[in-house]
C-alpha cells in the first residue's frame, strides 16, 4: 500500500527576499532592450545616406546619432541625456528611481 506524503514537507522552503541591489541593476531589469549594442541604426527611407532617430524619427547623419547604453536605441542630440549618456526614454525611468531613493 502506498502512503501519501505530507504536502507541507515536500514544498520548497519560502524564497528569501532578494537584496535591493544597485540602482543600475534595478533599472536594467525594467528596461526592455530595443536593439543590441553595436547594431546599426535604421536607414531613413527618404534619403540615401541618413539614419533615423529611434525616438523622434528625424533624419540624421550617422555621426549625429548615439546609441543608448541601456536600451540600445539610436538617438539624436535632442533626444538624449548627456548627463548619463542615455536616451530620454530611459532617462525618465532613471528619474523615477532616483526620486524614489530621495524619499526613503
PDB file of N, CA and C in Angstrom:
ATOM      1  N   UNK A   1       0.830  -1.177   0.000  1.00  0.00           N
ATOM      2  CA  UNK A   1       0.000   0.000   0.000  1.00  0.00           C
ATOM      3  C   UNK A   1       0.883   1.251   0.000  1.00  0.00           C
ATOM      4  N   UNK A   2       0.532   2.215  -0.843  1.00  0.00           N
ATOM      5  CA  UNK A   2       1.284   3.462  -0.934  1.00  0.00           C
ATOM      6  C   UNK A   2       0.799   4.446   0.120  1.00  0.00           C
ATOM      7  N   UNK A   3       1.723   5.095   0.719  1.00  0.00           N
ATOM      8  CA  UNK A   3       1.378   6.104   1.713  1.00  0.00           C
ATOM      9  C   UNK A   3       1.448   7.481   1.070  1.00  0.00           C
ATOM     10  N   UNK A   4       0.555   8.336   1.469  1.00  0.00           N
ATOM     11  CA  UNK A   4       0.585   9.716   0.970  1.00  0.00           C
ATOM     12  C   UNK A   4       1.660  10.486   1.717  1.00  0.00           C
ATOM     13  N   UNK A   5       2.303  11.341   0.973  1.00  0.00           N
ATOM     14  CA  UNK A   5       3.323  12.187   1.590  1.00  0.00           C
ATOM     15  C   UNK A   5       2.682  13.448   2.147  1.00  0.00           C
ATOM     16  N   UNK A   6       3.282  13.974   3.141  1.00  0.00           N
ATOM     17  CA  UNK A   6       2.811  15.217   3.745  1.00  0.00           C
ATOM     18  C   UNK A   6       3.130  16.359   2.768  1.00  0.00           C
ATOM     19  N   UNK A   7       2.098  17.074   2.253  1.00  0.00           N
ATOM     20  CA  UNK A   7       2.382  18.131   1.266  1.00  0.00           C
ATOM     21  C   UNK A   7       3.222  19.265   1.832  1.00  0.00           C
ATOM     22  N   UNK A   8       3.135  19.518   3.109  1.00  0.00           N
ATOM     23  CA  UNK A   8       3.928  20.590   3.699  1.00  0.00           C
ATOM     24  C   UNK A   8       5.403  20.226   3.743  1.00  0.00           C
ATOM     25  N   UNK A   9       5.682  18.950   3.897  1.00  0.00           N
ATOM     26  CA  UNK A   9       7.071  18.509   3.981  1.00  0.00           C
ATOM     27  C   UNK A   9       7.752  18.536   2.614  1.00  0.00           C
ATOM     28  N   UNK A  10       6.995  18.379   1.532  1.00  0.00           N
ATOM     29  CA  UNK A  10       7.602  18.348   0.201  1.00  0.00           C
ATOM     30  C   UNK A  10       7.667  19.707  -0.468  1.00  0.00           C
ATOM     31  N   UNK A  11       6.975  20.697   0.060  1.00  0.00           N
ATOM     32  CA  UNK A  11       7.012  22.018  -0.568  1.00  0.00           C
ATOM     33  C   UNK A  11       8.361  22.669  -0.296  1.00  0.00           C
ATOM     34  N   UNK A  12       8.883  23.389  -1.271  1.00  0.00           N
ATOM     35  CA  UNK A  12      10.188  24.032  -1.079  1.00  0.00           C
ATOM     36  C   UNK A  12      10.079  25.130  -0.028  1.00  0.00           C
ATOM     37  N   UNK A  13      11.180  25.406   0.632  1.00  0.00           N
ATOM     38  CA  UNK A  13      11.144  26.477   1.634  1.00  0.00           C
ATOM     39  C   UNK A  13      10.874  27.815   0.958  1.00  0.00           C
ATOM     40  N   UNK A  14      10.276  28.755   1.662  1.00  0.00           N
ATOM     41  CA  UNK A  14       9.997  30.061   1.047  1.00  0.00           C
ATOM     42  C   UNK A  14      11.295  30.747   0.650  1.00  0.00           C
ATOM     43  N   UNK A  15      11.237  31.421  -0.482  1.00  0.00           N
ATOM     44  CA  UNK A  15      12.425  32.103  -1.006  1.00  0.00           C
ATOM     45  C   UNK A  15      12.763  33.296  -0.135  1.00  0.00           C
ATOM     46  N   UNK A  16      14.039  33.487   0.060  1.00  0.00           N
ATOM     47  CA  UNK A  16      14.491  34.641   0.827  1.00  0.00           C
ATOM     48  C   UNK A  16      14.297  35.891  -0.015  1.00  0.00           C
ATOM     49  N   UNK A  17      13.959  37.014   0.606  1.00  0.00           N
ATOM     50  CA  UNK A  17      13.798  38.234  -0.178  1.00  0.00           C
ATOM     51  C   UNK A  17      15.117  38.626  -0.830  1.00  0.00           C
ATOM     52  N   UNK A  18      15.010  39.046  -2.080  1.00  0.00           N
ATOM     53  CA  UNK A  18      16.202  39.439  -2.823  1.00  0.00           C
ATOM     54  C   UNK A  18      16.714  40.771  -2.294  1.00  0.00           C
ATOM     55  N   UNK A  19      18.028  40.934  -2.266  1.00  0.00           N
ATOM     56  CA  UNK A  19      18.559  42.231  -1.859  1.00  0.00           C
ATOM     57  C   UNK A  19      18.165  43.295  -2.871  1.00  0.00           C
ATOM     58  N   UNK A  20      18.069  44.499  -2.385  1.00  0.00           N
ATOM     59  CA  UNK A  20      17.627  45.604  -3.233  1.00  0.00           C
ATOM     60  C   UNK A  20      18.543  45.788  -4.434  1.00  0.00           C
ATOM     61  N   UNK A  21      19.827  45.565  -4.275  1.00  0.00           N
ATOM     62  CA  UNK A  21      20.763  45.702  -5.389  1.00  0.00           C
ATOM     63  C   UNK A  21      21.074  47.167  -5.672  1.00  0.00           C
ATOM     64  N   UNK A  22      21.894  47.361  -6.652  1.00  0.00           N
ATOM     65  CA  UNK A  22      22.276  48.716  -7.014  1.00  0.00           C
ATOM     66  C   UNK A  22      21.189  49.357  -7.869  1.00  0.00           C
ATOM     67  N   UNK A  23      21.243  50.629  -7.964  1.00  0.00           N
ATOM     68  CA  UNK A  23      20.291  51.369  -8.791  1.00  0.00           C
ATOM     69  C   UNK A  23      20.391  50.913 -10.239  1.00  0.00           C
ATOM     70  N   UNK A  24      21.612  50.727 -10.729  1.00  0.00           N
ATOM     71  CA  UNK A  24      21.797  50.319 -12.117  1.00  0.00           C
ATOM     72  C   UNK A  24      21.185  48.940 -12.370  1.00  0.00           C
ATOM     73  N   UNK A  25      21.341  48.002 -11.453  1.00  0.00           N
ATOM     74  CA  UNK A  25      20.791  46.655 -11.617  1.00  0.00           C
ATOM     75  C   UNK A  25      19.272  46.683 -11.648  1.00  0.00           C
ATOM     76  N   UNK A  26      18.654  47.493 -10.800  1.00  0.00           N
ATOM     77  CA  UNK A  26      17.188  47.591 -10.790  1.00  0.00           C
ATOM     78  C   UNK A  26      16.670  48.224 -12.069  1.00  0.00           C
ATOM     79  N   UNK A  27      17.363  49.223 -12.578  1.00  0.00           N
ATOM     80  CA  UNK A  27      16.937  49.889 -13.814  1.00  0.00           C
ATOM     81  C   UNK A  27      17.087  48.943 -14.999  1.00  0.00           C
ATOM     82  N   UNK A  28      18.184  48.192 -15.073  1.00  0.00           N
ATOM     83  CA  UNK A  28      18.407  47.251 -16.184  1.00  0.00           C
ATOM     84  C   UNK A  28      17.307  46.193 -16.238  1.00  0.00           C
ATOM     85  N   UNK A  29      16.740  45.808 -15.096  1.00  0.00           N
ATOM     86  CA  UNK A  29      15.666  44.818 -15.083  1.00  0.00           C
ATOM     87  C   UNK A  29      14.388  45.375 -15.694  1.00  0.00           C
ATOM     88  N   UNK A  30      14.161  46.663 -15.566  1.00  0.00           N
ATOM     89  CA  UNK A  30      12.922  47.280 -16.032  1.00  0.00           C
ATOM     90  C   UNK A  30      12.952  47.694 -17.497  1.00  0.00           C
ATOM     91  N   UNK A  31      14.117  47.951 -18.036  1.00  0.00           N
ATOM     92  CA  UNK A  31      14.224  48.484 -19.396  1.00  0.00           C
ATOM     93  C   UNK A  31      14.316  47.350 -20.405  1.00  0.00           C
ATOM     94  N   UNK A  32      13.474  47.414 -21.410  1.00  0.00           N
ATOM     95  CA  UNK A  32      13.477  46.430 -22.496  1.00  0.00           C
ATOM     96  C   UNK A  32      14.533  46.839 -23.517  1.00  0.00           C
ATOM     97  N   UNK A  33      15.365  45.896 -23.891  1.00  0.00           N
ATOM     98  CA  UNK A  33      16.396  46.178 -24.895  1.00  0.00           C
ATOM     99  C   UNK A  33      15.734  46.213 -26.272  1.00  0.00           C
ATOM    100  N   UNK A  34      15.797  47.362 -26.904  1.00  0.00           N
ATOM    101  CA  UNK A  34      15.202  47.564 -28.229  1.00  0.00           C
ATOM    102  C   UNK A  34      16.129  47.037 -29.314  1.00  0.00           C
ATOM    103  N   UNK A  35      17.412  47.311 -29.149  1.00  0.00           N
ATOM    104  CA  UNK A  35      18.405  46.937 -30.164  1.00  0.00           C
ATOM    105  C   UNK A  35      19.692  46.553 -29.434  1.00  0.00           C
ATOM    106  N   UNK A  36      20.310  45.439 -29.820  1.00  0.00           N
ATOM    107  CA  UNK A  36      21.568  45.046 -29.168  1.00  0.00           C
ATOM    108  C   UNK A  36      22.661  46.092 -29.398  1.00  0.00           C
ATOM    109  N   UNK A  37      23.583  46.182 -28.462  1.00  0.00           N
ATOM    110  CA  UNK A  37      24.679  47.133 -28.585  1.00  0.00           C
ATOM    111  C   UNK A  37      25.501  46.797 -29.824  1.00  0.00           C
ATOM    112  N   UNK A  38      25.811  47.806 -30.600  1.00  0.00           N
ATOM    113  CA  UNK A  38      26.607  47.642 -31.806  1.00  0.00           C
ATOM    114  C   UNK A  38      25.803  47.461 -33.080  1.00  0.00           C
ATOM    115  N   UNK A  39      24.515  47.183 -32.960  1.00  0.00           N
ATOM    116  CA  UNK A  39      23.678  47.055 -34.164  1.00  0.00           C
ATOM    117  C   UNK A  39      23.456  48.435 -34.766  1.00  0.00           C
ATOM    118  N   UNK A  40      23.530  48.540 -36.080  1.00  0.00           N
ATOM    119  CA  UNK A  40      23.407  49.836 -36.756  1.00  0.00           C
ATOM    120  C   UNK A  40      21.989  50.392 -36.649  1.00  0.00           C
ATOM    121  N   UNK A  41      21.855  51.721 -36.711  1.00  0.00           N
ATOM    122  CA  UNK A  41      20.517  52.322 -36.684  1.00  0.00           C
ATOM    123  C   UNK A  41      19.760  52.061 -37.978  1.00  0.00           C
ATOM    124  N   UNK A  42      18.465  52.328 -37.949  1.00  0.00           N
ATOM    125  CA  UNK A  42      17.615  52.129 -39.130  1.00  0.00           C
ATOM    126  C   UNK A  42      17.881  53.226 -40.155  1.00  0.00           C
ATOM    127  N   UNK A  43      17.956  52.849 -41.413  1.00  0.00           N
ATOM    128  CA  UNK A  43      18.142  53.825 -42.502  1.00  0.00           C
ATOM    129  C   UNK A  43      16.869  54.631 -42.681  1.00  0.00           C
ATOM    130  N   UNK A  44      17.039  55.891 -43.031  1.00  0.00           N
ATOM    131  CA  UNK A  44      15.905  56.746 -43.329  1.00  0.00           C
ATOM    132  C   UNK A  44      15.449  56.443 -44.752  1.00  0.00           C
ATOM    133  N   UNK A  45      14.171  56.163 -44.909  1.00  0.00           N
ATOM    134  CA  UNK A  45      13.643  55.791 -46.222  1.00  0.00           C
ATOM    135  C   UNK A  45      13.663  56.953 -47.219  1.00  0.00           C
ATOM    136  N   UNK A  46      13.655  58.190 -46.736  1.00  0.00           N
ATOM    137  CA  UNK A  46      13.584  59.343 -47.625  1.00  0.00           C
ATOM    138  C   UNK A  46      14.922  59.859 -48.102  1.00  0.00           C
ATOM    139  N   UNK A  47      16.010  59.290 -47.645  1.00  0.00           N
ATOM    140  CA  UNK A  47      17.315  59.783 -48.069  1.00  0.00           C
ATOM    141  C   UNK A  47      18.277  58.611 -48.253  1.00  0.00           C
ATOM    142  N   UNK A  48      19.379  58.896 -48.921  1.00  0.00           N
ATOM    143  CA  UNK A  48      20.318  57.838 -49.281  1.00  0.00           C
ATOM    144  C   UNK A  48      21.262  57.470 -48.140  1.00  0.00           C
ATOM    145  N   UNK A  49      21.845  58.462 -47.506  1.00  0.00           N
ATOM    146  CA  UNK A  49      22.891  58.180 -46.517  1.00  0.00           C
ATOM    147  C   UNK A  49      22.540  58.679 -45.115  1.00  0.00           C
ATOM    148  N   UNK A  50      21.267  58.788 -44.806  1.00  0.00           N
ATOM    149  CA  UNK A  50      20.853  59.291 -43.497  1.00  0.00           C
ATOM    150  C   UNK A  50      20.189  58.171 -42.707  1.00  0.00           C
ATOM    151  N   UNK A  51      20.213  58.336 -41.404  1.00  0.00           N
ATOM    152  CA  UNK A  51      19.626  57.359 -40.498  1.00  0.00           C
ATOM    153  C   UNK A  51      18.552  58.044 -39.656  1.00  0.00           C
ATOM    154  N   UNK A  52      17.629  57.273 -39.124  1.00  0.00           N
ATOM    155  CA  UNK A  52      16.520  57.833 -38.349  1.00  0.00           C
ATOM    156  C   UNK A  52      16.784  57.705 -36.856  1.00  0.00           C
ATOM    157  N   UNK A  53      16.453  58.757 -36.140  1.00  0.00           N
ATOM    158  CA  UNK A  53      16.466  58.724 -34.679  1.00  0.00           C
ATOM    159  C   UNK A  53      15.325  57.806 -34.243  1.00  0.00           C
ATOM    160  N   UNK A  54      15.582  56.909 -33.303  1.00  0.00           N
ATOM    161  CA  UNK A  54      14.558  55.965 -32.871  1.00  0.00           C
ATOM    162  C   UNK A  54      13.445  56.619 -32.054  1.00  0.00           C
ATOM    163  N   UNK A  55      13.655  57.811 -31.526  1.00  0.00           N
ATOM    164  CA  UNK A  55      12.611  58.471 -30.741  1.00  0.00           C
ATOM    165  C   UNK A  55      11.816  59.489 -31.551  1.00  0.00           C
ATOM    166  N   UNK A  56      12.501  60.406 -32.238  1.00  0.00           N
ATOM    167  CA  UNK A  56      11.772  61.444 -32.969  1.00  0.00           C
ATOM    168  C   UNK A  56      11.651  61.146 -34.463  1.00  0.00           C
ATOM    169  N   UNK A  57      12.360  60.135 -34.956  1.00  0.00           N
ATOM    170  CA  UNK A  57      12.333  59.688 -36.356  1.00  0.00           C
ATOM    171  C   UNK A  57      12.828  60.743 -37.343  1.00  0.00           C
ATOM    172  N   UNK A  58      13.571  61.728 -36.869  1.00  0.00           N
ATOM    173  CA  UNK A  58      14.152  62.748 -37.748  1.00  0.00           C
ATOM    174  C   UNK A  58      15.399  62.167 -38.425  1.00  0.00           C
ATOM    175  N   UNK A  59      15.660  62.543 -39.681  1.00  0.00           N
ATOM    176  CA  UNK A  59      16.855  62.027 -40.365  1.00  0.00           C
ATOM    177  C   UNK A  59      18.121  62.728 -39.868  1.00  0.00           C
ATOM    178  N   UNK A  60      19.163  61.945 -39.650  1.00  0.00           N
ATOM    179  CA  UNK A  60      20.455  62.471 -39.190  1.00  0.00           C
ATOM    180  C   UNK A  60      21.561  61.668 -39.829  1.00  0.00           C
ATOM    181  N   UNK A  61      22.737  62.256 -39.853  1.00  0.00           N
ATOM    182  CA  UNK A  61      23.923  61.518 -40.269  1.00  0.00           C
ATOM    183  C   UNK A  61      24.341  60.556 -39.168  1.00  0.00           C
ATOM    184  N   UNK A  62      25.093  59.555 -39.513  1.00  0.00           N
ATOM    185  CA  UNK A  62      25.493  58.553 -38.525  1.00  0.00           C
ATOM    186  C   UNK A  62      26.331  59.173 -37.413  1.00  0.00           C
ATOM    187  N   UNK A  63      27.052  60.238 -37.711  1.00  0.00           N
ATOM    188  CA  UNK A  63      27.874  60.906 -36.704  1.00  0.00           C
ATOM    189  C   UNK A  63      27.066  61.662 -35.667  1.00  0.00           C
ATOM    190  N   UNK A  64      25.837  62.001 -35.988  1.00  0.00           N
ATOM    191  CA  UNK A  64      24.991  62.736 -35.042  1.00  0.00           C
ATOM    192  C   UNK A  64      24.268  61.820 -34.067  1.00  0.00           C
ATOM    193  N   UNK A  65      24.133  60.555 -34.389  1.00  0.00           N
ATOM    194  CA  UNK A  65      23.381  59.625 -33.546  1.00  0.00           C
ATOM    195  C   UNK A  65      24.298  58.934 -32.541  1.00  0.00           C
ATOM    196  N   UNK A  66      23.769  58.679 -31.358  1.00  0.00           N
ATOM    197  CA  UNK A  66      24.471  57.933 -30.316  1.00  0.00           C
ATOM    198  C   UNK A  66      23.564  56.811 -29.839  1.00  0.00           C
ATOM    199  N   UNK A  67      24.155  55.684 -29.493  1.00  0.00           N
ATOM    200  CA  UNK A  67      23.358  54.559 -29.024  1.00  0.00           C
ATOM    201  C   UNK A  67      23.237  54.614 -27.502  1.00  0.00           C
ATOM    202  N   UNK A  68      22.015  54.440 -27.022  1.00  0.00           N
ATOM    203  CA  UNK A  68      21.736  54.439 -25.587  1.00  0.00           C
ATOM    204  C   UNK A  68      22.395  53.213 -24.959  1.00  0.00           C
ATOM    205  N   UNK A  69      23.046  53.410 -23.844  1.00  0.00           N
ATOM    206  CA  UNK A  69      23.731  52.320 -23.169  1.00  0.00           C
ATOM    207  C   UNK A  69      22.801  51.354 -22.462  1.00  0.00           C
ATOM    208  N   UNK A  70      21.554  51.732 -22.263  1.00  0.00           N
ATOM    209  CA  UNK A  70      20.614  50.853 -21.568  1.00  0.00           C
ATOM    210  C   UNK A  70      19.708  50.081 -22.513  1.00  0.00           C
ATOM    211  N   UNK A  71      19.038  50.788 -23.435  1.00  0.00           N
ATOM    212  CA  UNK A  71      18.042  50.120 -24.288  1.00  0.00           C
ATOM    213  C   UNK A  71      18.542  49.868 -25.705  1.00  0.00           C
ATOM    214  N   UNK A  72      19.614  50.538 -26.136  1.00  0.00           N
ATOM    215  CA  UNK A  72      20.172  50.321 -27.460  1.00  0.00           C
ATOM    216  C   UNK A  72      19.585  51.191 -28.555  1.00  0.00           C
ATOM    217  N   UNK A  73      18.650  52.095 -28.229  1.00  0.00           N
ATOM    218  CA  UNK A  73      18.092  52.981 -29.255  1.00  0.00           C
ATOM    219  C   UNK A  73      19.177  53.924 -29.760  1.00  0.00           C
ATOM    220  N   UNK A  74      19.066  54.278 -31.041  1.00  0.00           N
ATOM    221  CA  UNK A  74      19.933  55.297 -31.614  1.00  0.00           C
ATOM    222  C   UNK A  74      19.176  56.614 -31.560  1.00  0.00           C
ATOM    223  N   UNK A  75      19.771  57.618 -30.916  1.00  0.00           N
ATOM    224  CA  UNK A  75      19.068  58.888 -30.705  1.00  0.00           C
ATOM    225  C   UNK A  75      19.926  60.071 -31.131  1.00  0.00           C
ATOM    226  N   UNK A  76      19.228  61.141 -31.512  1.00  0.00           N
ATOM    227  CA  UNK A  76      19.871  62.390 -31.937  1.00  0.00           C
ATOM    228  C   UNK A  76      20.205  63.230 -30.704  1.00  0.00           C
ATOM    229  N   UNK A  77      20.923  64.342 -30.883  1.00  0.00           N
ATOM    230  CA  UNK A  77      21.282  65.178 -29.731  1.00  0.00           C
ATOM    231  C   UNK A  77      20.083  65.707 -28.936  1.00  0.00           C
ATOM    232  N   UNK A  78      18.963  65.963 -29.600  1.00  0.00           N
ATOM    233  CA  UNK A  78      17.810  66.486 -28.864  1.00  0.00           C
ATOM    234  C   UNK A  78      17.054  65.403 -28.102  1.00  0.00           C
ATOM    235  N   UNK A  79      17.303  64.144 -28.406  1.00  0.00           N
ATOM    236  CA  UNK A  79      16.590  63.029 -27.754  1.00  0.00           C
ATOM    237  C   UNK A  79      17.462  62.266 -26.767  1.00  0.00           C
ATOM    238  N   UNK A  80      18.625  62.784 -26.427  1.00  0.00           N
ATOM    239  CA  UNK A  80      19.470  62.075 -25.468  1.00  0.00           C
ATOM    240  C   UNK A  80      19.838  62.969 -24.300  1.00  0.00           C
ATOM    241  N   UNK A  81      20.172  62.313 -23.208  1.00  0.00           N
ATOM    242  CA  UNK A  81      20.594  62.994 -21.995  1.00  0.00           C
ATOM    243  C   UNK A  81      22.103  62.794 -21.870  1.00  0.00           C
ATOM    244  N   UNK A  82      22.857  63.850 -22.027  1.00  0.00           N
ATOM    245  CA  UNK A  82      24.308  63.740 -21.990  1.00  0.00           C
ATOM    246  C   UNK A  82      24.847  63.551 -20.577  1.00  0.00           C
ATOM    247  N   UNK A  83      24.022  63.788 -19.569  1.00  0.00           N
ATOM    248  CA  UNK A  83      24.473  63.593 -18.187  1.00  0.00           C
ATOM    249  C   UNK A  83      24.741  62.112 -17.909  1.00  0.00           C
ATOM    250  N   UNK A  84      23.860  61.236 -18.380  1.00  0.00           N
ATOM    251  CA  UNK A  84      24.002  59.800 -18.143  1.00  0.00           C
ATOM    252  C   UNK A  84      24.335  59.021 -19.415  1.00  0.00           C
ATOM    253  N   UNK A  85      24.424  59.676 -20.569  1.00  0.00           N
ATOM    254  CA  UNK A  85      24.677  59.033 -21.867  1.00  0.00           C
ATOM    255  C   UNK A  85      23.593  58.017 -22.207  1.00  0.00           C
ATOM    256  N   UNK A  86      22.348  58.395 -21.969  1.00  0.00           N
ATOM    257  CA  UNK A  86      21.202  57.536 -22.272  1.00  0.00           C
ATOM    258  C   UNK A  86      20.156  58.349 -23.025  1.00  0.00           C
ATOM    259  N   UNK A  87      19.151  57.652 -23.586  1.00  0.00           N
ATOM    260  CA  UNK A  87      18.088  58.345 -24.314  1.00  0.00           C
ATOM    261  C   UNK A  87      17.083  58.950 -23.324  1.00  0.00           C
ATOM    262  N   UNK A  88      16.263  59.846 -23.816  1.00  0.00           N
ATOM    263  CA  UNK A  88      15.272  60.494 -22.952  1.00  0.00           C
ATOM    264  C   UNK A  88      14.240  59.511 -22.418  1.00  0.00           C
ATOM    265  N   UNK A  89      13.968  58.437 -23.137  1.00  0.00           N
ATOM    266  CA  UNK A  89      13.032  57.431 -22.667  1.00  0.00           C
ATOM    267  C   UNK A  89      13.572  56.737 -21.414  1.00  0.00           C
ATOM    268  N   UNK A  90      14.810  56.298 -21.463  1.00  0.00           N
ATOM    269  CA  UNK A  90      15.430  55.657 -20.304  1.00  0.00           C
ATOM    270  C   UNK A  90      15.681  56.668 -19.187  1.00  0.00           C
ATOM    271  N   UNK A  91      15.920  57.913 -19.547  1.00  0.00           N
ATOM    272  CA  UNK A  91      16.148  58.947 -18.555  1.00  0.00           C
ATOM    273  C   UNK A  91      14.924  59.115 -17.648  1.00  0.00           C
ATOM    274  N   UNK A  92      13.719  58.961 -18.197  1.00  0.00           N
ATOM    275  CA  UNK A  92      12.514  59.052 -17.376  1.00  0.00           C
ATOM    276  C   UNK A  92      12.468  57.964 -16.319  1.00  0.00           C
ATOM    277  N   UNK A  93      12.890  56.759 -16.668  1.00  0.00           N
ATOM    278  CA  UNK A  93      12.916  55.651 -15.705  1.00  0.00           C
ATOM    279  C   UNK A  93      13.973  55.906 -14.635  1.00  0.00           C
ATOM    280  N   UNK A  94      15.122  56.420 -15.042  1.00  0.00           N
ATOM    281  CA  UNK A  94      16.178  56.736 -14.077  1.00  0.00           C
ATOM    282  C   UNK A  94      15.692  57.796 -13.096  1.00  0.00           C
ATOM    283  N   UNK A  95      15.006  58.819 -13.598  1.00  0.00           N
ATOM    284  CA  UNK A  95      14.494  59.875 -12.721  1.00  0.00           C
ATOM    285  C   UNK A  95      13.480  59.331 -11.725  1.00  0.00           C
ATOM    286  N   UNK A  96      12.612  58.423 -12.164  1.00  0.00           N
ATOM    287  CA  UNK A  96      11.644  57.826 -11.246  1.00  0.00           C
ATOM    288  C   UNK A  96      12.341  57.055 -10.132  1.00  0.00           C
ATOM    289  N   UNK A  97      13.382  56.333 -10.464  1.00  0.00           N
ATOM    290  CA  UNK A  97      14.122  55.585  -9.446  1.00  0.00           C
ATOM    291  C   UNK A  97      14.863  56.511  -8.491  1.00  0.00           C
ATOM    292  N   UNK A  98      15.461  57.565  -9.018  1.00  0.00           N
ATOM    293  CA  UNK A  98      16.196  58.478  -8.144  1.00  0.00           C
ATOM    294  C   UNK A  98      15.242  59.264  -7.257  1.00  0.00           C
ATOM    295  N   UNK A  99      14.038  59.587  -7.737  1.00  0.00           N
ATOM    296  CA  UNK A  99      13.053  60.244  -6.888  1.00  0.00           C
ATOM    297  C   UNK A  99      12.615  59.316  -5.757  1.00  0.00           C
ATOM    298  N   UNK A 100      12.459  58.028  -6.072  1.00  0.00           N
ATOM    299  CA  UNK A 100      12.087  57.052  -5.063  1.00  0.00           C
ATOM    300  C   UNK A 100      13.154  56.891  -3.999  1.00  0.00           C
ATOM    301  N   UNK A 101      14.415  57.016  -4.411  1.00  0.00           N
ATOM    302  CA  UNK A 101      15.524  56.896  -3.436  1.00  0.00           C
ATOM    303  C   UNK A 101      15.596  58.118  -2.528  1.00  0.00           C
ATOM    304  N   UNK A 102      15.234  59.295  -3.055  1.00  0.00           N
ATOM    305  CA  UNK A 102      15.278  60.517  -2.243  1.00  0.00           C
ATOM    306  C   UNK A 102      14.229  60.501  -1.144  1.00  0.00           C
ATOM    307  N   UNK A 103      13.089  59.853  -1.415  1.00  0.00           N
ATOM    308  CA  UNK A 103      12.008  59.820  -0.438  1.00  0.00           C
ATOM    309  C   UNK A 103      12.297  58.854   0.699  1.00  0.00           C
ATOM    310  N   UNK A 104      13.203  57.906   0.488  1.00  0.00           N
ATOM    311  CA  UNK A 104      13.486  56.914   1.545  1.00  0.00           C
ATOM    312  C   UNK A 104      14.371  57.460   2.602  1.00  0.00           C
TER     313      UNK A 104
END
